Amino acid sequence: MSPPPRLQGPVHLRVPEGDTHERKVCLDCHHICYENPRIIVGSVVTYEGRLLLCRRAIPPRIGFWTMPAGFLELQETPEDGAKREALEEAGARIELDGLLAVYTLAERSQVHLMYRATLLDPQVSPGIESQSLEFFSYEDVPWDELAFPSVHWALKDWFETKSEKHLTPRRNP
């Protein structure tokens, strides 16, 4: 992938010819600076029927529980990103078991791709973004302490589909 072009002049907001949205456009070279949604990848990770959750050590929502998830990197597949996030946040090596859900958060310009996953090795440890890790039964999940709505949705979708062999990805509730 080549780096973005170096703009030659001042950038102004305008609707480019043939477009429908206001964009940042270089008045000299006419390059259009597109701003696209961010992709979040994550996994509902289980081990012996229990759910792995991470207590956040970074903003936003420090101290709240989440599942291993984060931004997809450039030139990374969503599957590789979900595995990387589990390793970074929980020292967890995982095997993905299908796409659980696609959630869209238009107000935040985000698309969340959530997977079902199984922990391959029970030896986990908090990464720099996690204060601590814990395994919960579904009934014991600290529902009032979850960091984001998408974590709540993914855990509920996991519970509703945990016995399904072939998943049809869920959507926003």
C-alpha atoms as a PDB file:
ATOM      1  CA  MET A   1       0.000   0.000   0.000  1.00  0.00           C
ATOM      2  CA  SER A   2       1.464   3.351  -0.958  1.00  0.00           C
ATOM      3  CA  PRO A   3       1.448   6.276   1.477  1.00  0.00           C
ATOM      4  CA  PRO A   4      -1.186   8.979   1.042  1.00  0.00           C
ATOM      5  CA  PRO A   5      -0.131  11.706  -1.379  1.00  0.00           C
ATOM      6  CA  ARG A   6       1.473  14.831   0.016  1.00  0.00           C
ATOM      7  CA  LEU A   7      -1.024  17.632  -0.354  1.00  0.00           C
ATOM      8  CA  GLN A   8       0.227  20.603  -2.315  1.00  0.00           C
ATOM      9  CA  GLY A   9      -1.958  23.339  -0.944  1.00  0.00           C
ATOM     10  CA  PRO A  10      -4.636  24.368   1.549  1.00  0.00           C
ATOM     11  CA  VAL A  11      -7.421  21.932   2.388  1.00  0.00           C
ATOM     12  CA  HIS A  12     -11.041  23.083   2.471  1.00  0.00           C
ATOM     13  CA  LEU A  13     -14.347  21.395   3.100  1.00  0.00           C
ATOM     14  CA  ARG A  14     -16.473  21.065  -0.028  1.00  0.00           C
ATOM     15  CA  VAL A  15     -18.631  18.595  -1.913  1.00  0.00           C
ATOM     16  CA  PRO A  16     -16.486  17.205  -4.755  1.00  0.00           C
ATOM     17  CA  GLU A  17     -18.087  17.005  -8.169  1.00  0.00           C
ATOM     18  CA  GLY A  18     -20.198  13.839  -8.418  1.00  0.00           C
ATOM     19  CA  ASP A  19     -20.123  13.275  -4.642  1.00  0.00           C
ATOM     20  CA  THR A  20     -22.873  13.631  -2.058  1.00  0.00           C
ATOM     21  CA  HIS A  21     -20.839  14.392   1.079  1.00  0.00           C
ATOM     22  CA  GLU A  22     -18.701  17.286   2.164  1.00  0.00           C
ATOM     23  CA  ARG A  23     -15.033  16.239   2.126  1.00  0.00           C
ATOM     24  CA  LYS A  24     -11.624  17.748   2.813  1.00  0.00           C
ATOM     25  CA  VAL A  25     -10.205  18.665  -0.609  1.00  0.00           C
ATOM     26  CA  CYS A  26      -6.797  20.113  -1.485  1.00  0.00           C
ATOM     27  CA  LEU A  27      -7.474  23.240  -3.545  1.00  0.00           C
ATOM     28  CA  ASP A  28      -4.181  22.901  -5.461  1.00  0.00           C
ATOM     29  CA  CYS A  29      -3.867  19.170  -6.286  1.00  0.00           C
ATOM     30  CA  HIS A  30      -7.595  18.323  -5.868  1.00  0.00           C
ATOM     31  CA  HIS A  31      -6.832  15.275  -3.705  1.00  0.00           C
ATOM     32  CA  ILE A  32      -9.904  14.226  -1.701  1.00  0.00           C
ATOM     33  CA  CYS A  33      -9.231  13.195   1.899  1.00  0.00           C
ATOM     34  CA  TYR A  34     -11.805  10.489   2.656  1.00  0.00           C
ATOM     35  CA  GLU A  35     -12.607   9.695   6.275  1.00  0.00           C
ATOM     36  CA  ASN A  36     -14.021   6.209   6.599  1.00  0.00           C
ATOM     37  CA  PRO A  37     -15.444   4.194   9.496  1.00  0.00           C
ATOM     38  CA  ARG A  38     -13.108   2.413  11.892  1.00  0.00           C
ATOM     39  CA  ILE A  39     -13.333  -1.366  12.194  1.00  0.00           C
ATOM     40  CA  ILE A  40     -13.271  -2.985  15.631  1.00  0.00           C
ATOM     41  CA  VAL A  41     -12.499  -6.713  15.928  1.00  0.00           C
ATOM     42  CA  GLY A  42     -12.991  -8.853  19.003  1.00  0.00           C
ATOM     43  CA  SER A  43     -13.897 -12.231  20.401  1.00  0.00           C
ATOM     44  CA  VAL A  44     -16.146 -13.804  22.976  1.00  0.00           C
ATOM     45  CA  VAL A  45     -13.503 -16.185  24.329  1.00  0.00           C
ATOM     46  CA  THR A  46     -14.533 -19.269  26.282  1.00  0.00           C
ATOM     47  CA  TYR A  47     -12.675 -21.915  28.244  1.00  0.00           C
ATOM     48  CA  GLU A  48     -14.525 -24.870  29.757  1.00  0.00           C
ATOM     49  CA  GLY A  49     -17.826 -23.021  29.358  1.00  0.00           C
ATOM     50  CA  ARG A  50     -16.648 -19.836  31.060  1.00  0.00           C
ATOM     51  CA  LEU A  51     -16.202 -16.407  29.456  1.00  0.00           C
ATOM     52  CA  LEU A  52     -12.893 -14.545  29.526  1.00  0.00           C
ATOM     53  CA  LEU A  53     -13.297 -10.855  30.337  1.00  0.00           C
ATOM     54  CA  CYS A  54     -10.674  -8.138  30.716  1.00  0.00           C
ATOM     55  CA  ARG A  55     -10.882  -5.228  33.146  1.00  0.00           C
ATOM     56  CA  ARG A  56      -9.845  -2.139  31.152  1.00  0.00           C
ATOM     57  CA  ALA A  57      -6.670  -0.278  32.152  1.00  0.00           C
ATOM     58  CA  ILE A  58      -6.980   2.424  29.487  1.00  0.00           C
ATOM     59  CA  PRO A  59      -9.557   5.061  28.581  1.00  0.00           C
ATOM     60  CA  PRO A  60     -12.327   5.048  27.812  1.00  0.00           C
ATOM     61  CA  ARG A  61     -14.108   3.225  30.624  1.00  0.00           C
ATOM     62  CA  ILE A  62     -11.116   2.361  32.827  1.00  0.00           C
ATOM     63  CA  GLY A  63     -12.033  -0.351  35.340  1.00  0.00           C
ATOM     64  CA  PHE A  64     -14.976  -1.680  33.348  1.00  0.00           C
ATOM     65  CA  TRP A  65     -15.119  -5.184  31.885  1.00  0.00           C
ATOM     66  CA  THR A  66     -14.766  -5.959  28.207  1.00  0.00           C
ATOM     67  CA  MET A  67     -13.852  -8.816  25.946  1.00  0.00           C
ATOM     68  CA  PRO A  68     -10.582  -8.813  24.012  1.00  0.00           C
ATOM     69  CA  ALA A  69     -11.219  -6.338  21.189  1.00  0.00           C
ATOM     70  CA  GLY A  70      -9.733  -3.340  19.456  1.00  0.00           C
ATOM     71  CA  PHE A  71      -9.083  -1.568  16.184  1.00  0.00           C
ATOM     72  CA  LEU A  72      -8.201  -3.559  13.088  1.00  0.00           C
ATOM     73  CA  GLU A  73      -4.747  -2.639  11.778  1.00  0.00           C
ATOM     74  CA  LEU A  74      -3.925  -1.790   8.166  1.00  0.00           C
ATOM     75  CA  GLN A  75      -3.145  -4.844   6.020  1.00  0.00           C
ATOM     76  CA  GLU A  76      -4.595  -7.212   8.641  1.00  0.00           C
ATOM     77  CA  THR A  77      -7.504  -9.602   8.203  1.00  0.00           C
ATOM     78  CA  PRO A  78     -10.334  -9.314  10.735  1.00  0.00           C
ATOM     79  CA  GLU A  79      -9.588 -12.855  11.921  1.00  0.00           C
ATOM     80  CA  ASP A  80      -5.907 -12.080  12.483  1.00  0.00           C
ATOM     81  CA  GLY A  81      -6.885  -8.848  14.225  1.00  0.00           C
ATOM     82  CA  ALA A  82      -9.208 -10.655  16.631  1.00  0.00           C
ATOM     83  CA  LYS A  83      -6.450 -13.160  17.465  1.00  0.00           C
ATOM     84  CA  ARG A  84      -3.911 -10.347  17.938  1.00  0.00           C
ATOM     85  CA  GLU A  85      -6.224  -8.424  20.270  1.00  0.00           C
ATOM     86  CA  ALA A  86      -6.775 -11.532  22.435  1.00  0.00           C
ATOM     87  CA  LEU A  87      -3.018 -12.041  22.665  1.00  0.00           C
ATOM     88  CA  GLU A  88      -2.285  -8.353  23.409  1.00  0.00           C
ATOM     89  CA  GLU A  89      -4.999  -7.823  26.004  1.00  0.00           C
ATOM     90  CA  ALA A  90      -5.079 -11.202  27.711  1.00  0.00           C
ATOM     91  CA  GLY A  91      -2.029 -13.201  26.595  1.00  0.00           C
ATOM     92  CA  ALA A  92      -4.657 -15.518  25.126  1.00  0.00           C
ATOM     93  CA  ARG A  93      -4.027 -17.826  22.202  1.00  0.00           C
ATOM     94  CA  ILE A  94      -7.425 -18.505  20.646  1.00  0.00           C
ATOM     95  CA  GLU A  95      -9.095 -20.482  17.907  1.00  0.00           C
ATOM     96  CA  LEU A  96     -11.939 -18.695  16.158  1.00  0.00           C
ATOM     97  CA  ASP A  97     -15.236 -20.517  15.788  1.00  0.00           C
ATOM     98  CA  GLY A  98     -17.030 -18.246  13.340  1.00  0.00           C
ATOM     99  CA  LEU A  99     -18.264 -14.707  12.988  1.00  0.00           C
ATOM    100  CA  LEU A 100     -20.731 -14.096  15.810  1.00  0.00           C
ATOM    101  CA  ALA A 101     -21.979 -10.618  14.920  1.00  0.00           C
ATOM    102  CA  VAL A 102     -21.578  -7.440  12.920  1.00  0.00           C
ATOM    103  CA  TYR A 103     -22.606  -4.368  14.885  1.00  0.00           C
ATOM    104  CA  THR A 104     -22.759  -0.911  13.372  1.00  0.00           C
ATOM    105  CA  LEU A 105     -22.388   2.209  15.482  1.00  0.00           C
ATOM    106  CA  ALA A 106     -23.071   4.913  12.918  1.00  0.00           C
ATOM    107  CA  GLU A 107     -22.901   7.707  15.502  1.00  0.00           C
ATOM    108  CA  ARG A 108     -19.290   6.657  16.272  1.00  0.00           C
ATOM    109  CA  SER A 109     -18.425   5.732  12.661  1.00  0.00           C
ATOM    110  CA  GLN A 110     -17.549   2.193  13.751  1.00  0.00           C
ATOM    111  CA  VAL A 111     -18.238  -1.318  12.509  1.00  0.00           C
ATOM    112  CA  HIS A 112     -17.660  -4.102  15.060  1.00  0.00           C
ATOM    113  CA  LEU A 113     -16.848  -7.648  13.895  1.00  0.00           C
ATOM    114  CA  MET A 114     -17.206 -10.059  16.809  1.00  0.00           C
ATOM    115  CA  TYR A 115     -16.170 -13.705  16.737  1.00  0.00           C
ATOM    116  CA  ARG A 116     -16.804 -16.764  18.851  1.00  0.00           C
ATOM    117  CA  ALA A 117     -13.511 -18.191  20.087  1.00  0.00           C
ATOM    118  CA  THR A 118     -12.076 -20.949  22.246  1.00  0.00           C
ATOM    119  CA  LEU A 119      -9.035 -20.473  24.434  1.00  0.00           C
ATOM    120  CA  LEU A 120      -6.252 -22.867  23.393  1.00  0.00           C
ATOM    121  CA  ASP A 121      -4.173 -22.556  26.581  1.00  0.00           C
ATOM    122  CA  PRO A 122      -5.593 -21.599  30.003  1.00  0.00           C
ATOM    123  CA  GLN A 123      -2.415 -19.690  30.882  1.00  0.00           C
ATOM    124  CA  VAL A 124      -3.479 -16.065  30.380  1.00  0.00           C
ATOM    125  CA  SER A 125      -2.134 -12.815  31.767  1.00  0.00           C
ATOM    126  CA  PRO A 126      -3.261  -9.193  31.516  1.00  0.00           C
ATOM    127  CA  GLY A 127      -1.633  -7.149  28.788  1.00  0.00           C
ATOM    128  CA  ILE A 128      -0.816  -3.461  29.123  1.00  0.00           C
ATOM    129  CA  GLU A 129      -4.424  -2.491  28.269  1.00  0.00           C
ATOM    130  CA  SER A 130      -5.933  -4.746  30.973  1.00  0.00           C
ATOM    131  CA  GLN A 131      -5.872  -4.354  34.767  1.00  0.00           C
ATOM    132  CA  SER A 132      -6.939  -7.949  35.328  1.00  0.00           C
ATOM    133  CA  LEU A 133      -8.627 -10.945  33.726  1.00  0.00           C
ATOM    134  CA  GLU A 134     -11.361 -13.190  34.985  1.00  0.00           C
ATOM    135  CA  PHE A 135     -13.409 -16.148  33.785  1.00  0.00           C
ATOM    136  CA  PHE A 136     -17.157 -15.801  34.380  1.00  0.00           C
ATOM    137  CA  SER A 137     -20.089 -18.114  33.975  1.00  0.00           C
ATOM    138  CA  TYR A 138     -22.740 -16.415  31.857  1.00  0.00           C
ATOM    139  CA  GLU A 139     -24.942 -16.010  34.932  1.00  0.00           C
ATOM    140  CA  ASP A 140     -22.145 -14.259  36.849  1.00  0.00           C
ATOM    141  CA  VAL A 141     -21.143 -11.723  34.187  1.00  0.00           C
ATOM    142  CA  PRO A 142     -20.999  -8.253  35.827  1.00  0.00           C
ATOM    143  CA  TRP A 143     -23.624  -6.841  33.459  1.00  0.00           C
ATOM    144  CA  ASP A 144     -23.704  -3.401  35.125  1.00  0.00           C
ATOM    145  CA  GLU A 145     -19.932  -3.091  34.807  1.00  0.00           C
ATOM    146  CA  LEU A 146     -19.530  -3.838  31.078  1.00  0.00           C
ATOM    147  CA  ALA A 147     -17.591  -1.157  29.212  1.00  0.00           C
ATOM    148  CA  PHE A 148     -19.592  -0.863  25.996  1.00  0.00           C
ATOM    149  CA  PRO A 149     -23.006  -1.789  24.567  1.00  0.00           C
ATOM    150  CA  SER A 150     -21.354  -4.029  21.956  1.00  0.00           C
ATOM    151  CA  VAL A 151     -19.838  -6.166  24.749  1.00  0.00           C
ATOM    152  CA  HIS A 152     -23.305  -6.647  26.233  1.00  0.00           C
ATOM    153  CA  TRP A 153     -24.746  -7.511  22.795  1.00  0.00           C
ATOM    154  CA  ALA A 154     -21.948  -9.950  21.956  1.00  0.00           C
ATOM    155  CA  LEU A 155     -22.217 -11.838  25.242  1.00  0.00           C
ATOM    156  CA  LYS A 156     -25.989 -12.178  24.835  1.00  0.00           C
ATOM    157  CA  ASP A 157     -25.583 -13.250  21.188  1.00  0.00           C
ATOM    158  CA  TRP A 158     -22.940 -15.795  22.234  1.00  0.00           C
ATOM    159  CA  PHE A 159     -25.312 -17.254  24.833  1.00  0.00           C
ATOM    160  CA  GLU A 160     -28.163 -17.500  22.325  1.00  0.00           C
ATOM    161  CA  THR A 161     -25.969 -19.201  19.683  1.00  0.00           C
ATOM    162  CA  LYS A 162     -23.475 -21.195  21.770  1.00  0.00           C
ATOM    163  CA  SER A 163     -24.918 -24.552  20.719  1.00  0.00           C
ATOM    164  CA  GLU A 164     -25.223 -23.674  17.025  1.00  0.00           C
ATOM    165  CA  LYS A 165     -22.642 -25.349  14.793  1.00  0.00           C
ATOM    166  CA  HIS A 166     -23.171 -22.962  11.846  1.00  0.00           C
ATOM    167  CA  LEU A 167     -23.579 -19.322  12.739  1.00  0.00           C
ATOM    168  CA  THR A 168     -25.583 -16.701  10.970  1.00  0.00           C
ATOM    169  CA  PRO A 169     -23.970 -13.478  12.174  1.00  0.00           C
ATOM    170  CA  ARG A 170     -26.162 -11.380  14.417  1.00  0.00           C
ATOM    171  CA  ARG A 171     -26.779  -7.629  14.043  1.00  0.00           C
ATOM    172  CA  ASN A 172     -27.485  -4.719  16.372  1.00  0.00           C
ATOM    173  CA  PRO A 173     -30.398  -5.468  18.689  1.00  0.00           C
END
